[in-house]
C-alpha atoms as a PDB file:
ATOM      1  CA  MET A   1      25.200  10.745 -16.120  1.00  0.00           C
ATOM      2  CA  ILE A   2      23.176   9.780 -13.440  1.00  0.00           C
ATOM      3  CA  LEU A   3      21.949   6.677 -14.505  1.00  0.00           C
ATOM      4  CA  ARG A   4      26.084   5.671 -14.704  1.00  0.00           C
ATOM      5  CA  VAL A   5      26.499   6.824 -11.001  1.00  0.00           C
ATOM      6  CA  LEU A   6      23.583   4.358 -10.008  1.00  0.00           C
ATOM      7  CA  SER A   7      25.018   1.727 -12.277  1.00  0.00           C
ATOM      8  CA  LEU A   8      28.495   2.051 -10.366  1.00  0.00           C
ATOM      9  CA  LEU A   9      27.262   1.793  -7.021  1.00  0.00           C
ATOM     10  CA  ARG A  10      25.019  -0.581  -7.603  1.00  0.00           C
ATOM     11  CA  TYR A  11      27.343  -3.211  -9.067  1.00  0.00           C
ATOM     12  CA  SER A  12      31.191  -2.082  -8.567  1.00  0.00           C
ATOM     13  CA  TRP A  13      31.374  -0.948  -4.578  1.00  0.00           C
ATOM     14  CA  ASN A  14      32.460  -3.870  -2.786  1.00  0.00           C
ATOM     15  CA  GLY A  15      33.835  -1.978   0.022  1.00  0.00           C
ATOM     16  CA  TRP A  16      31.961  -0.357   2.914  1.00  0.00           C
ATOM     17  CA  TRP A  17      29.262   1.335   0.994  1.00  0.00           C
ATOM     18  CA  GLY A  18      27.866  -1.888  -0.210  1.00  0.00           C
ATOM     19  CA  MET A  19      28.717  -3.783   2.512  1.00  0.00           C
ATOM     20  CA  ALA A  20      26.633  -2.444   5.312  1.00  0.00           C
ATOM     21  CA  SER A  21      24.438  -4.341   7.707  1.00  0.00           C
ATOM     22  CA  LEU A  22      21.112  -5.364   6.918  1.00  0.00           C
ATOM     23  CA  ASP A  23      19.939  -3.343   9.924  1.00  0.00           C
ATOM     24  CA  LEU A  24      21.441   0.225   8.325  1.00  0.00           C
ATOM     25  CA  LEU A  25      20.693  -0.464   5.379  1.00  0.00           C
ATOM     26  CA  LEU A  26      16.720  -0.683   6.565  1.00  0.00           C
ATOM     27  CA  VAL A  27      16.909   2.032   8.302  1.00  0.00           C
ATOM     28  CA  MET A  28      18.513   3.823   5.835  1.00  0.00           C
ATOM     29  CA  ALA A  29      15.244   3.040   3.350  1.00  0.00           C
ATOM     30  CA  VAL A  30      12.676   4.346   6.143  1.00  0.00           C
ATOM     31  CA  ALA A  31      14.089   7.161   7.594  1.00  0.00           C
ATOM     32  CA  PRO A  32      13.736   9.421   4.431  1.00  0.00           C
ATOM     33  CA  GLY A  33      10.146   9.010   3.971  1.00  0.00           C
ATOM     34  CA  LEU A  34       9.466   9.559   7.601  1.00  0.00           C
ATOM     35  CA  PHE A  35      11.392  12.621   7.787  1.00  0.00           C
ATOM     36  CA  PHE A  36       9.883  14.282   5.333  1.00  0.00           C
ATOM     37  CA  LEU A  37       6.547  12.781   6.630  1.00  0.00           C
ATOM     38  CA  TRP A  38       7.013  14.735   8.691  1.00  0.00           C
ATOM     39  CA  PHE A  39       8.165  17.921   6.645  1.00  0.00           C
ATOM     40  CA  PHE A  40       5.059  17.935   4.917  1.00  0.00           C
ATOM     41  CA  TRP A  41       3.135  18.067   8.608  1.00  0.00           C
ATOM     42  CA  VAL A  42       3.820  20.363   9.943  1.00  0.00           C
ATOM     43  CA  ARG A  43       3.614  22.960   7.029  1.00  0.00           C
ATOM     44  CA  ASP A  44      -0.190  22.549   7.576  1.00  0.00           C
ATOM     45  CA  LYS A  45       0.638  25.482  10.363  1.00  0.00           C
ATOM     46  CA  TYR A  46      -3.372  26.822  10.818  1.00  0.00           C
ATOM     47  CA  GLU A  47      -4.855  23.217  11.277  1.00  0.00           C
ATOM     48  CA  ARG A  48      -2.531  20.365  12.012  1.00  0.00           C
ATOM     49  CA  GLU A  49      -3.827  16.968  10.470  1.00  0.00           C
ATOM     50  CA  PRO A  50      -4.134  14.328  13.241  1.00  0.00           C
ATOM     51  CA  ALA A  51      -1.254  11.566  13.343  1.00  0.00           C
ATOM     52  CA  ARG A  52      -3.159   8.881  13.563  1.00  0.00           C
ATOM     53  CA  LEU A  53      -4.978   9.682  10.028  1.00  0.00           C
ATOM     54  CA  LEU A  54      -2.056  10.422   8.328  1.00  0.00           C
ATOM     55  CA  LEU A  55       0.040   7.019   9.643  1.00  0.00           C
ATOM     56  CA  SER A  56      -3.054   5.267   7.966  1.00  0.00           C
ATOM     57  CA  THR A  57      -2.488   7.178   4.743  1.00  0.00           C
ATOM     58  CA  PHE A  58       0.966   6.919   4.683  1.00  0.00           C
ATOM     59  CA  LEU A  59       0.230   2.789   5.362  1.00  0.00           C
ATOM     60  CA  LEU A  60      -2.555   3.123   2.634  1.00  0.00           C
ATOM     61  CA  GLY A  61       0.437   4.174   0.457  1.00  0.00           C
ATOM     62  CA  ALA A  62       2.535   1.644   1.221  1.00  0.00           C
ATOM     63  CA  LEU A  63       0.162  -0.883   0.099  1.00  0.00           C
ATOM     64  CA  ALA A  64      -0.654   1.184  -3.298  1.00  0.00           C
ATOM     65  CA  ILE A  65       2.384  -0.186  -4.840  1.00  0.00           C
ATOM     66  CA  ILE A  66       0.987  -3.906  -5.055  1.00  0.00           C
ATOM     67  CA  PRO A  67      -1.524  -3.104  -7.427  1.00  0.00           C
ATOM     68  CA  ALA A  68       0.270  -0.611  -8.797  1.00  0.00           C
ATOM     69  CA  LEU A  69       3.360  -3.780  -9.814  1.00  0.00           C
ATOM     70  CA  ILE A  70       0.179  -5.477 -11.209  1.00  0.00           C
ATOM     71  CA  LEU A  71      -1.005  -2.693 -13.424  1.00  0.00           C
ATOM     72  CA  GLU A  72       2.746  -1.793 -14.804  1.00  0.00           C
ATOM     73  CA  THR A  73       3.109  -5.384 -15.358  1.00  0.00           C
ATOM     74  CA  ILE A  74       0.363  -5.508 -17.373  1.00  0.00           C
ATOM     75  CA  GLY A  75       0.908  -2.038 -19.167  1.00  0.00           C
ATOM     76  CA  GLY A  76       4.250  -3.428 -19.762  1.00  0.00           C
ATOM     77  CA  LEU A  77       3.067  -6.578 -21.722  1.00  0.00           C
ATOM     78  CA  VAL A  78       1.247  -3.242 -24.369  1.00  0.00           C
ATOM     79  CA  ILE A  79       3.916  -1.094 -24.257  1.00  0.00           C
ATOM     80  CA  ALA A  80       7.411  -2.878 -23.595  1.00  0.00           C
ATOM     81  CA  ALA A  81      10.327  -1.438 -20.518  1.00  0.00           C
ATOM     82  CA  PRO A  82      12.552   0.760 -23.123  1.00  0.00           C
ATOM     83  CA  GLU A  83      15.980  -1.474 -24.059  1.00  0.00           C
ATOM     84  CA  GLU A  84      19.156  -0.429 -25.182  1.00  0.00           C
ATOM     85  CA  GLY A  85      18.674   1.255 -28.490  1.00  0.00           C
ATOM     86  CA  SER A  86      14.676   1.586 -27.711  1.00  0.00           C
ATOM     87  CA  SER A  87      13.262   4.594 -29.781  1.00  0.00           C
ATOM     88  CA  PRO A  88      12.578   7.912 -27.410  1.00  0.00           C
ATOM     89  CA  VAL A  89       9.016   7.055 -28.324  1.00  0.00           C
ATOM     90  CA  GLN A  90       8.629   4.230 -26.622  1.00  0.00           C
ATOM     91  CA  THR A  91      10.526   5.391 -23.804  1.00  0.00           C
ATOM     92  CA  LEU A  92       8.475   8.428 -23.311  1.00  0.00           C
ATOM     93  CA  LEU A  93       5.388   6.634 -23.686  1.00  0.00           C
ATOM     94  CA  HIS A  94       5.929   3.683 -21.286  1.00  0.00           C
ATOM     95  CA  TYR A  95       6.832   5.913 -18.191  1.00  0.00           C
ATOM     96  CA  PHE A  96       4.841   8.400 -18.864  1.00  0.00           C
ATOM     97  CA  ILE A  97       1.480   5.578 -19.520  1.00  0.00           C
ATOM     98  CA  VAL A  98       2.641   2.663 -17.604  1.00  0.00           C
ATOM     99  CA  ILE A  99       5.116   4.145 -14.545  1.00  0.00           C
ATOM    100  CA  ALA A 100       4.416   7.639 -13.981  1.00  0.00           C
ATOM    101  CA  PHE A 101       0.181   7.298 -14.674  1.00  0.00           C
ATOM    102  CA  VAL A 102      -0.106   3.964 -12.836  1.00  0.00           C
ATOM    103  CA  GLU A 103       1.658   5.145  -9.629  1.00  0.00           C
ATOM    104  CA  GLU A 104       0.359   8.808  -9.360  1.00  0.00           C
ATOM    105  CA  SER A 105      -3.376   6.881 -10.215  1.00  0.00           C
ATOM    106  CA  MET A 106      -2.541   4.185  -6.704  1.00  0.00           C
ATOM    107  CA  LYS A 107      -1.370   7.081  -4.569  1.00  0.00           C
ATOM    108  CA  TYR A 108      -4.348   9.314  -5.113  1.00  0.00           C
ATOM    109  CA  LEU A 109      -6.740   5.732  -4.066  1.00  0.00           C
ATOM    110  CA  ALA A 110      -4.392   5.480  -0.911  1.00  0.00           C
ATOM    111  CA  VAL A 111      -5.973   9.186  -0.593  1.00  0.00           C
ATOM    112  CA  ARG A 112      -9.450   8.698  -1.822  1.00  0.00           C
ATOM    113  CA  VAL A 113     -10.291   5.676   0.340  1.00  0.00           C
ATOM    114  CA  LYS A 114     -10.262   7.172   3.712  1.00  0.00           C
ATOM    115  CA  ALA A 115      -8.667  10.799   4.245  1.00  0.00           C
ATOM    116  CA  TYR A 116     -10.676  12.560   1.388  1.00  0.00           C
ATOM    117  CA  ARG A 117     -13.829  11.122   2.951  1.00  0.00           C
ATOM    118  CA  SER A 118     -12.762  12.299   6.213  1.00  0.00           C
ATOM    119  CA  LYS A 119     -13.906  15.395   8.239  1.00  0.00           C
ATOM    120  CA  GLU A 120     -10.317  16.097   8.880  1.00  0.00           C
ATOM    121  CA  PHE A 121      -9.726  17.328   4.690  1.00  0.00           C
ATOM    122  CA  ASN A 122     -11.506  20.612   5.362  1.00  0.00           C
ATOM    123  CA  GLU A 123      -9.161  22.965   3.216  1.00  0.00           C
ATOM    124  CA  VAL A 124      -6.901  22.788   0.142  1.00  0.00           C
ATOM    125  CA  MET A 125      -3.090  22.163   2.529  1.00  0.00           C
ATOM    126  CA  ASP A 126      -5.145  19.248   4.045  1.00  0.00           C
ATOM    127  CA  GLY A 127      -4.825  17.781  -0.113  1.00  0.00           C
ATOM    128  CA  ILE A 128      -1.252  18.757  -0.274  1.00  0.00           C
ATOM    129  CA  VAL A 129      -0.334  16.766   3.430  1.00  0.00           C
ATOM    130  CA  TYR A 130      -2.257  13.616   2.503  1.00  0.00           C
ATOM    131  CA  SER A 131      -1.027  13.426  -0.937  1.00  0.00           C
ATOM    132  CA  SER A 132       2.220  13.736  -0.038  1.00  0.00           C
ATOM    133  CA  ALA A 133       1.908  11.329   3.070  1.00  0.00           C
ATOM    134  CA  ALA A 134       0.266   8.954   0.553  1.00  0.00           C
ATOM    135  CA  ALA A 135       3.265   8.789  -2.297  1.00  0.00           C
ATOM    136  CA  LEU A 136       5.830   8.882   0.653  1.00  0.00           C
ATOM    137  CA  GLY A 137       4.192   5.600   1.477  1.00  0.00           C
ATOM    138  CA  PHE A 138       4.883   3.929  -1.491  1.00  0.00           C
ATOM    139  CA  ALA A 139       8.184   6.159  -2.117  1.00  0.00           C
ATOM    140  CA  THR A 140       9.283   4.192   1.170  1.00  0.00           C
ATOM    141  CA  VAL A 141       8.353   0.361   0.294  1.00  0.00           C
ATOM    142  CA  GLU A 142       9.976   1.170  -3.535  1.00  0.00           C
ATOM    143  CA  ASN A 143      13.008   2.235  -1.599  1.00  0.00           C
ATOM    144  CA  ILE A 144      13.445  -0.763   0.589  1.00  0.00           C
ATOM    145  CA  LEU A 145      13.662  -2.717  -2.752  1.00  0.00           C
ATOM    146  CA  TYR A 146      16.050  -0.663  -4.308  1.00  0.00           C
ATOM    147  CA  VAL A 147      18.120   0.101  -0.925  1.00  0.00           C
ATOM    148  CA  LEU A 148      18.622  -3.642   0.695  1.00  0.00           C
ATOM    149  CA  PRO A 149      19.929  -5.025  -2.439  1.00  0.00           C
ATOM    150  CA  ARG A 150      21.874  -2.380  -4.312  1.00  0.00           C
ATOM    151  CA  GLY A 151      23.387  -0.383  -0.569  1.00  0.00           C
ATOM    152  CA  LEU A 152      24.296   2.760   1.133  1.00  0.00           C
ATOM    153  CA  GLY A 153      25.355   4.919  -2.283  1.00  0.00           C
ATOM    154  CA  VAL A 154      22.321   3.950  -3.337  1.00  0.00           C
ATOM    155  CA  GLY A 155      19.993   4.771  -0.536  1.00  0.00           C
ATOM    156  CA  LEU A 156      21.883   8.259   0.140  1.00  0.00           C
ATOM    157  CA  LEU A 157      20.723   9.138  -3.438  1.00  0.00           C
ATOM    158  CA  ARG A 158      17.499   8.049  -3.391  1.00  0.00           C
ATOM    159  CA  ALA A 159      17.075   9.585  -0.051  1.00  0.00           C
ATOM    160  CA  VAL A 160      17.721  13.495  -1.159  1.00  0.00           C
ATOM    161  CA  LEU A 161      16.278  12.514  -4.900  1.00  0.00           C
ATOM    162  CA  SER A 162      13.243   9.767  -5.320  1.00  0.00           C
ATOM    163  CA  VAL A 163      11.712   9.725  -1.904  1.00  0.00           C
ATOM    164  CA  PRO A 164      11.328  13.582  -2.115  1.00  0.00           C
ATOM    165  CA  GLY A 165      10.534  12.958  -5.528  1.00  0.00           C
ATOM    166  CA  HIS A 166       7.490  11.162  -5.008  1.00  0.00           C
ATOM    167  CA  ALA A 167       6.365  13.667  -2.656  1.00  0.00           C
ATOM    168  CA  LEU A 168       6.816  16.228  -4.683  1.00  0.00           C
ATOM    169  CA  ASP A 169       4.845  15.026  -7.454  1.00  0.00           C
ATOM    170  CA  SER A 170       2.032  13.899  -5.591  1.00  0.00           C
ATOM    171  CA  GLY A 171       1.974  17.366  -3.378  1.00  0.00           C
ATOM    172  CA  MET A 172       1.557  19.086  -7.091  1.00  0.00           C
ATOM    173  CA  PHE A 173      -1.553  16.759  -7.129  1.00  0.00           C
ATOM    174  CA  GLY A 174      -2.919  17.189  -3.493  1.00  0.00           C
ATOM    175  CA  PHE A 175      -3.118  20.919  -4.247  1.00  0.00           C
ATOM    176  CA  PHE A 176      -5.795  20.082  -6.913  1.00  0.00           C
ATOM    177  CA  LEU A 177      -7.218  17.190  -4.876  1.00  0.00           C
ATOM    178  CA  GLY A 178      -7.902  20.023  -1.695  1.00  0.00           C
ATOM    179  CA  LEU A 179      -9.360  22.621  -3.956  1.00  0.00           C
ATOM    180  CA  ALA A 180     -11.967  20.274  -5.967  1.00  0.00           C
ATOM    181  CA  LYS A 181     -12.716  19.039  -2.568  1.00  0.00           C
ATOM    182  CA  VAL A 182     -13.286  22.823  -1.253  1.00  0.00           C
ATOM    183  CA  ARG A 183     -15.248  23.769  -3.997  1.00  0.00           C
ATOM    184  CA  GLY A 184     -16.002  20.515  -6.150  1.00  0.00           C
ATOM    185  CA  GLY A 185     -15.756  19.534  -9.461  1.00  0.00           C
ATOM    186  CA  THR A 186     -13.583  16.394 -10.930  1.00  0.00           C
ATOM    187  CA  GLY A 187     -11.780  18.833 -13.913  1.00  0.00           C
ATOM    188  CA  LEU A 188      -9.504  20.039 -10.802  1.00  0.00           C
ATOM    189  CA  VAL A 189      -8.784  16.577  -9.898  1.00  0.00           C
ATOM    190  CA  CYS A 190      -8.148  15.244 -13.529  1.00  0.00           C
ATOM    191  CA  ALA A 191      -6.041  18.499 -14.575  1.00  0.00           C
ATOM    192  CA  GLY A 192      -3.772  17.653 -11.407  1.00  0.00           C
ATOM    193  CA  LEU A 193      -3.241  14.420 -11.823  1.00  0.00           C
ATOM    194  CA  MET A 194      -1.988  15.225 -15.462  1.00  0.00           C
ATOM    195  CA  VAL A 195      -0.129  17.365 -13.627  1.00  0.00           C
ATOM    196  CA  ALA A 196       1.386  14.747 -11.460  1.00  0.00           C
ATOM    197  CA  THR A 197       2.118  12.478 -14.490  1.00  0.00           C
ATOM    198  CA  PHE A 198       3.912  14.659 -16.143  1.00  0.00           C
ATOM    199  CA  PHE A 199       6.273  15.340 -13.676  1.00  0.00           C
ATOM    200  CA  HIS A 200       6.799  11.991 -12.305  1.00  0.00           C
ATOM    201  CA  GLY A 201       7.329  11.176 -16.524  1.00  0.00           C
ATOM    202  CA  LEU A 202       9.751  13.581 -17.118  1.00  0.00           C
ATOM    203  CA  TRP A 203      11.800  12.693 -14.033  1.00  0.00           C
ATOM    204  CA  ASP A 204      12.253   8.896 -14.859  1.00  0.00           C
ATOM    205  CA  SER A 205      12.222   9.535 -19.109  1.00  0.00           C
ATOM    206  CA  ILE A 206      15.297  12.055 -18.132  1.00  0.00           C
ATOM    207  CA  LEU A 207      17.010   9.518 -16.024  1.00  0.00           C
ATOM    208  CA  SER A 208      16.478   6.530 -18.698  1.00  0.00           C
ATOM    209  CA  LEU A 209      17.564   8.355 -21.427  1.00  0.00           C
ATOM    210  CA  GLY A 210      21.039   9.382 -19.679  1.00  0.00           C
ATOM    211  CA  GLY A 211      20.108  13.863 -19.615  1.00  0.00           C
ATOM    212  CA  ASP A 212      22.485  15.571 -18.258  1.00  0.00           C
ATOM    213  CA  LEU A 213      23.326  15.462 -14.467  1.00  0.00           C
ATOM    214  CA  LEU A 214      22.273  19.673 -14.783  1.00  0.00           C
ATOM    215  CA  LEU A 215      18.703  18.702 -16.509  1.00  0.00           C
ATOM    216  CA  VAL A 216      17.968  16.152 -13.229  1.00  0.00           C
ATOM    217  CA  LEU A 217      18.534  19.396 -10.420  1.00  0.00           C
ATOM    218  CA  LEU A 218      16.486  21.412 -13.006  1.00  0.00           C
ATOM    219  CA  VAL A 219      13.779  19.880 -13.142  1.00  0.00           C
ATOM    220  CA  TYR A 220      14.309  18.783  -9.362  1.00  0.00           C
ATOM    221  CA  SER A 221      14.723  22.597  -8.332  1.00  0.00           C
ATOM    222  CA  SER A 222      11.337  23.286 -10.645  1.00  0.00           C
ATOM    223  CA  GLN A 223       9.288  20.672  -8.553  1.00  0.00           C
ATOM    224  CA  TRP A 224      10.364  21.995  -5.015  1.00  0.00           C
ATOM    225  CA  VAL A 225       9.688  25.746  -6.661  1.00  0.00           C
ATOM    226  CA  VAL A 226       6.468  24.740  -8.236  1.00  0.00           C
ATOM    227  CA  VAL A 227       5.226  23.104  -4.489  1.00  0.00           C
ATOM    228  CA  ALA A 228       6.410  25.771  -2.222  1.00  0.00           C
ATOM    229  CA  LEU A 229       4.113  28.402  -4.474  1.00  0.00           C
ATOM    230  CA  MET A 230       1.083  25.911  -4.259  1.00  0.00           C
ATOM    231  CA  MET A 231       1.767  25.572  -0.376  1.00  0.00           C
ATOM    232  CA  ARG A 232       2.076  28.749   0.263  1.00  0.00           C
ATOM    233  CA  ARG A 233      -1.585  29.709  -2.116  1.00  0.00           C
ATOM    234  CA  ALA A 234      -2.524  26.793  -0.056  1.00  0.00           C
ATOM    235  CA  ALA A 235      -2.387  28.930   3.268  1.00  0.00           C
ATOM    236  CA  ARG A 236      -3.714  32.006   2.358  1.00  0.00           C
ATOM    237  CA  LEU A 237      -6.853  30.176   1.163  1.00  0.00           C
ATOM    238  CA  SER A 238      -6.801  28.036   4.666  1.00  0.00           C
ATOM    239  CA  PRO A 239     -10.378  29.408   6.175  1.00  0.00           C
ATOM    240  CA  PHE A 240      -8.539  28.490   9.675  1.00  0.00           C
ATOM    241  CA  ARG A 241      -6.417  31.615   8.879  1.00  0.00           C
ATOM    242  CA  GLU A 242      -7.819  34.363  10.764  1.00  0.00           C
ATOM    243  CA  ARG A 243      -8.061  32.153  14.099  1.00  0.00           C
ATOM    244  CA  VAL A 244      -4.210  31.380  14.887  1.00  0.00           C
ATOM    245  CA  ILE A 245      -2.055  34.298  15.641  1.00  0.00           C
ATOM    246  CA  PRO A 246       0.336  33.837  12.595  1.00  0.00           C
ATOM    247  CA  ALA A 247       4.452  33.035  13.375  1.00  0.00           C
ATOM    248  CA  LEU A 248       6.177  34.406  10.485  1.00  0.00           C
ATOM    249  CA  ILE A 249       6.916  38.258  12.507  1.00  0.00           C
ATOM    250  CA  PRO A 250      10.069  39.097  10.816  1.00  0.00           C
ATOM    251  CA  LEU A 251      13.240  38.489  13.229  1.00  0.00           C
ATOM    252  CA  ILE A 252      14.853  41.981  13.452  1.00  0.00           C
ATOM    253  CA  ARG A 253      11.175  43.424  14.074  1.00  0.00           C
ATOM    254  CA  GLN A 254      10.776  40.843  17.238  1.00  0.00           C
ATOM    255  CA  ARG A 255      14.401  41.919  18.548  1.00  0.00           C
ATOM    256  CA  TRP A 256      13.873  45.746  17.780  1.00  0.00           C
ATOM    257  CA  ALA A 257      10.423  46.597  18.091  1.00  0.00           C
ATOM    258  CA  ALA A 258       7.381  45.612  19.786  1.00  0.00           C
ATOM    259  CA  THR A 259       4.377  44.152  17.307  1.00  0.00           C
ATOM    260  CA  CYS A 260       1.171  43.365  16.998  1.00  0.00           C
ATOM    261  CA  PRO A 261       1.220  39.495  17.295  1.00  0.00           C
ATOM    262  CA  LYS A 262      -1.724  39.551  15.076  1.00  0.00           C
ATOM    263  CA  CYS A 263      -0.970  42.319  12.155  1.00  0.00           C
ATOM    264  CA  GLY A 264       2.252  43.006  13.257  1.00  0.00           C
ATOM    265  CA  ARG A 265       2.076  46.464  13.690  1.00  0.00           C
ATOM    266  CA  PRO A 266       4.124  48.481  16.178  1.00  0.00           C
ATOM    267  CA  LEU A 267       2.085  48.772  19.279  1.00  0.00           C
ATOM    268  CA  VAL A 268       1.805  51.375  21.814  1.00  0.00           C
ATOM    269  CA  PHE A 269       3.157  51.329  25.163  1.00  0.00           C
ATOM    270  CA  ILE A 270       0.450  52.691  27.570  1.00  0.00           C
ATOM    271  CA  GLU A 271       1.784  53.714  30.658  1.00  0.00           C
ATOM    272  CA  ARG A 272      -1.533  54.277  32.939  1.00  0.00           C
ATOM    273  CA  TYR A 273      -2.524  50.844  31.970  1.00  0.00           C
ATOM    274  CA  SER A 274       0.603  49.465  31.575  1.00  0.00           C
ATOM    275  CA  GLY A 275      -0.511  47.360  28.851  1.00  0.00           C
ATOM    276  CA  TRP A 276       0.663  47.143  24.929  1.00  0.00           C
ATOM    277  CA  PHE A 277      -2.027  48.425  22.750  1.00  0.00           C
ATOM    278  CA  CYS A 278      -2.547  48.104  19.079  1.00  0.00           C
ATOM    279  CA  TYR A 279      -3.897  51.247  17.209  1.00  0.00           C
ATOM    280  CA  SER A 280      -4.938  49.462  14.238  1.00  0.00           C
ATOM    281  CA  CYS A 281      -6.579  45.938  15.363  1.00  0.00           C
ATOM    282  CA  ARG A 282      -8.094  48.274  19.110  1.00  0.00           C
ATOM    283  CA  ARG A 283      -6.974  45.468  21.232  1.00  0.00           C
ATOM    284  CA  TYR A 284      -4.833  44.871  23.932  1.00  0.00           C
ATOM    285  CA  ALA A 285      -1.694  42.326  23.392  1.00  0.00           C
ATOM    286  CA  SER A 286      -0.990  40.803  26.975  1.00  0.00           C
ATOM    287  CA  GLU A 287       2.589  40.254  25.304  1.00  0.00           C
ATOM    288  CA  PRO A 288       4.177  41.797  22.643  1.00  0.00           C
ATOM    289  CA  ALA A 289       5.771  39.467  19.773  1.00  0.00           C
ATOM    290  CA  SER A 290       8.687  41.613  20.715  1.00  0.00           C
ATOM    291  CA  MET A 291       9.350  39.048  23.208  1.00  0.00           C
ATOM    292  CA  GLY A 292       8.673  36.082  20.922  1.00  0.00           C
ATOM    293  CA  ILE A 293       5.985  33.743  19.494  1.00  0.00           C
ATOM    294  CA  PRO A 294       2.748  34.561  21.455  1.00  0.00           C
ATOM    295  CA  SER A 295       0.288  32.261  21.611  1.00  0.00           C
ATOM    296  CA  ALA A 296      -3.619  32.401  20.957  1.00  0.00           C
ATOM    297  CA  ALA A 297      -4.321  32.767  24.247  1.00  0.00           C
ATOM    298  CA  SER A 298      -2.262  35.711  24.823  1.00  0.00           C
ATOM    299  CA  TYR A 299      -4.118  37.879  22.559  1.00  0.00           C
ATOM    300  CA  LEU A 300      -7.123  39.160  24.197  1.00  0.00           C
ATOM    301  CA  PRO A 301     -10.255  41.098  22.155  1.00  0.00           C
ATOM    302  CA  VAL A 302     -11.815  43.995  23.135  1.00  0.00           C
ATOM    303  CA  ALA A 303     -14.625  42.350  24.464  1.00  0.00           C
ATOM    304  CA  VAL A 304     -12.773  41.636  27.672  1.00  0.00           C
ATOM    305  CA  ARG A 305     -11.039  44.630  27.938  1.00  0.00           C
ATOM    306  CA  GLY A 306     -13.913  46.998  27.168  1.00  0.00           C
ATOM    307  CA  ARG A 307     -14.444  48.769  24.146  1.00  0.00           C
ATOM    308  CA  PRO A 308     -11.993  51.577  23.412  1.00  0.00           C
ATOM    309  CA  PRO A 309     -12.886  55.177  23.205  1.00  0.00           C
ATOM    310  CA  GLN A 310     -10.352  57.337  21.325  1.00  0.00           C
ATOM    311  CA  GLU A 311      -7.552  56.795  23.822  1.00  0.00           C
ATOM    312  CA  ALA A 312      -6.687  53.441  24.707  1.00  0.00           C
ATOM    313  CA  PRO A 313      -8.558  51.304  26.875  1.00  0.00           C
ATOM    314  CA  PRO A 314      -7.323  50.479  31.070  1.00  0.00           C
ATOM    315  CA  ILE A 315      -5.970  46.982  30.806  1.00  0.00           C
ATOM    316  CA  ALA A 316      -8.137  44.246  32.459  1.00  0.00           C
ATOM    317  CA  HIS A 317      -5.597  43.280  35.270  1.00  0.00           C
ATOM    318  CA  PRO A 318      -5.060  46.419  37.438  1.00  0.00           C
ATOM    319  CA  GLY A 319      -2.340  45.640  39.368  1.00  0.00           C
ATOM    320  CA  THR A 320       0.311  44.932  36.904  1.00  0.00           C
ATOM    321  CA  LYS A 321       2.965  46.249  34.774  1.00  0.00           C
ATOM    322  CA  TYR A 322       5.861  45.123  32.272  1.00  0.00           C
ATOM    323  CA  CYS A 323       9.601  45.681  32.984  1.00  0.00           C
ATOM    324  CA  ILE A 324      10.970  48.424  31.041  1.00  0.00           C
ATOM    325  CA  ASN A 325      13.605  46.773  29.533  1.00  0.00           C
ATOM    326  CA  CYS A 326      12.722  43.057  29.151  1.00  0.00           C
ATOM    327  CA  ARG A 327       8.481  43.352  29.108  1.00  0.00           C
ATOM    328  CA  PHE A 328       8.266  41.213  31.968  1.00  0.00           C
ATOM    329  CA  LEU A 329       4.780  40.875  33.641  1.00  0.00           C
ATOM    330  CA  MET A 330       5.657  41.930  37.569  1.00  0.00           C
ATOM    331  CA  PRO A 331       3.127  42.862  39.824  1.00  0.00           C
ATOM    332  CA  GLU A 332       2.680  47.777  39.767  1.00  0.00           C
ATOM    333  CA  SER A 333       4.589  47.791  43.217  1.00  0.00           C
ATOM    334  CA  SER A 334       7.366  45.948  42.451  1.00  0.00           C
ATOM    335  CA  ARG A 335      10.432  48.473  42.000  1.00  0.00           C
ATOM    336  CA  TYR A 336      12.999  45.771  40.575  1.00  0.00           C
ATOM    337  CA  CYS A 337      11.932  43.066  37.992  1.00  0.00           C
ATOM    338  CA  SER A 338      12.563  39.859  39.155  1.00  0.00           C
ATOM    339  CA  ARG A 339      13.908  38.432  36.183  1.00  0.00           C
ATOM    340  CA  CYS A 340      16.752  41.120  34.641  1.00  0.00           C
ATOM    341  CA  GLY A 341      16.867  43.233  37.602  1.00  0.00           C
ATOM    342  CA  ALA A 342      16.164  46.355  35.822  1.00  0.00           C
ATOM    343  CA  ALA A 343      14.882  49.403  38.673  1.00  0.00           C
ATOM    344  CA  GLN A 344      11.642  50.405  37.151  1.00  0.00           C
ATOM    345  CA  SER A 345      12.192  54.349  37.430  1.00  0.00           C
END
């Protein structure tokens, strides 16, 4: 069904969709790759990768399409591309070996050349980020080759299916690549390459065999689920997790309760010292999480404020207090809050 739609978009649309300007088509071809590059980049919330290295990996992935095309041409001489009436076995062999395995291998080399050797590649999440970047560079060049001659209709379909599909396939491989970098072992690299090849080959084979739309969406959604689970696991394995205050405090708790910005448990307001204290962490929070997502600097260690006894220790900044209404930090002598105007009774 998808192939029929693509065929219709390629050859039958002579209106605005097919007659779009070259500039618009070029933007349509490049924009999805850049958007998903940003999307995967910001998923690394504990230690974000340098933009320069990320863009270098993106460009190396774009260049990887050249050897991929050469190898696919040679592979096509051994396992010919399926035509109308070809057997399903030939179709599967061509798309799993000649297409999927070759392309995923070239994306891997694009990461291995520079990013994998960098000291910035220091956690499992980095494997997902850099592998996705290489895949998106590859997909962007491929997208240009498809969209420019075929029009906006093909561009729209590829923007939501093919481009992120490349990133998802390589993102799965990147999880194993990150594990291999952290723990060592080539077996993880091979396993990741096989997983990426399987999903990539399955996607191409279903489209080539004229698979049902429901089956296509099922495979596509399963890719997102698998990558989401891998990213969640990679975040938990991050060695930088304890250095950054988690920004995932539930919205309701932010609005209705003063919670610790580190552990998320309720804070106790010590009136004597006009400060919020967490009895779980045994530390003060200079600004409770209910006031928004605090920065790492707003959470001060116990050593700064003294060792806590059975009761909360004095706050480090005497002469200040929080507004009883909006928690704005103000001088202790203030009778009214300068932010919300509430009387400090």
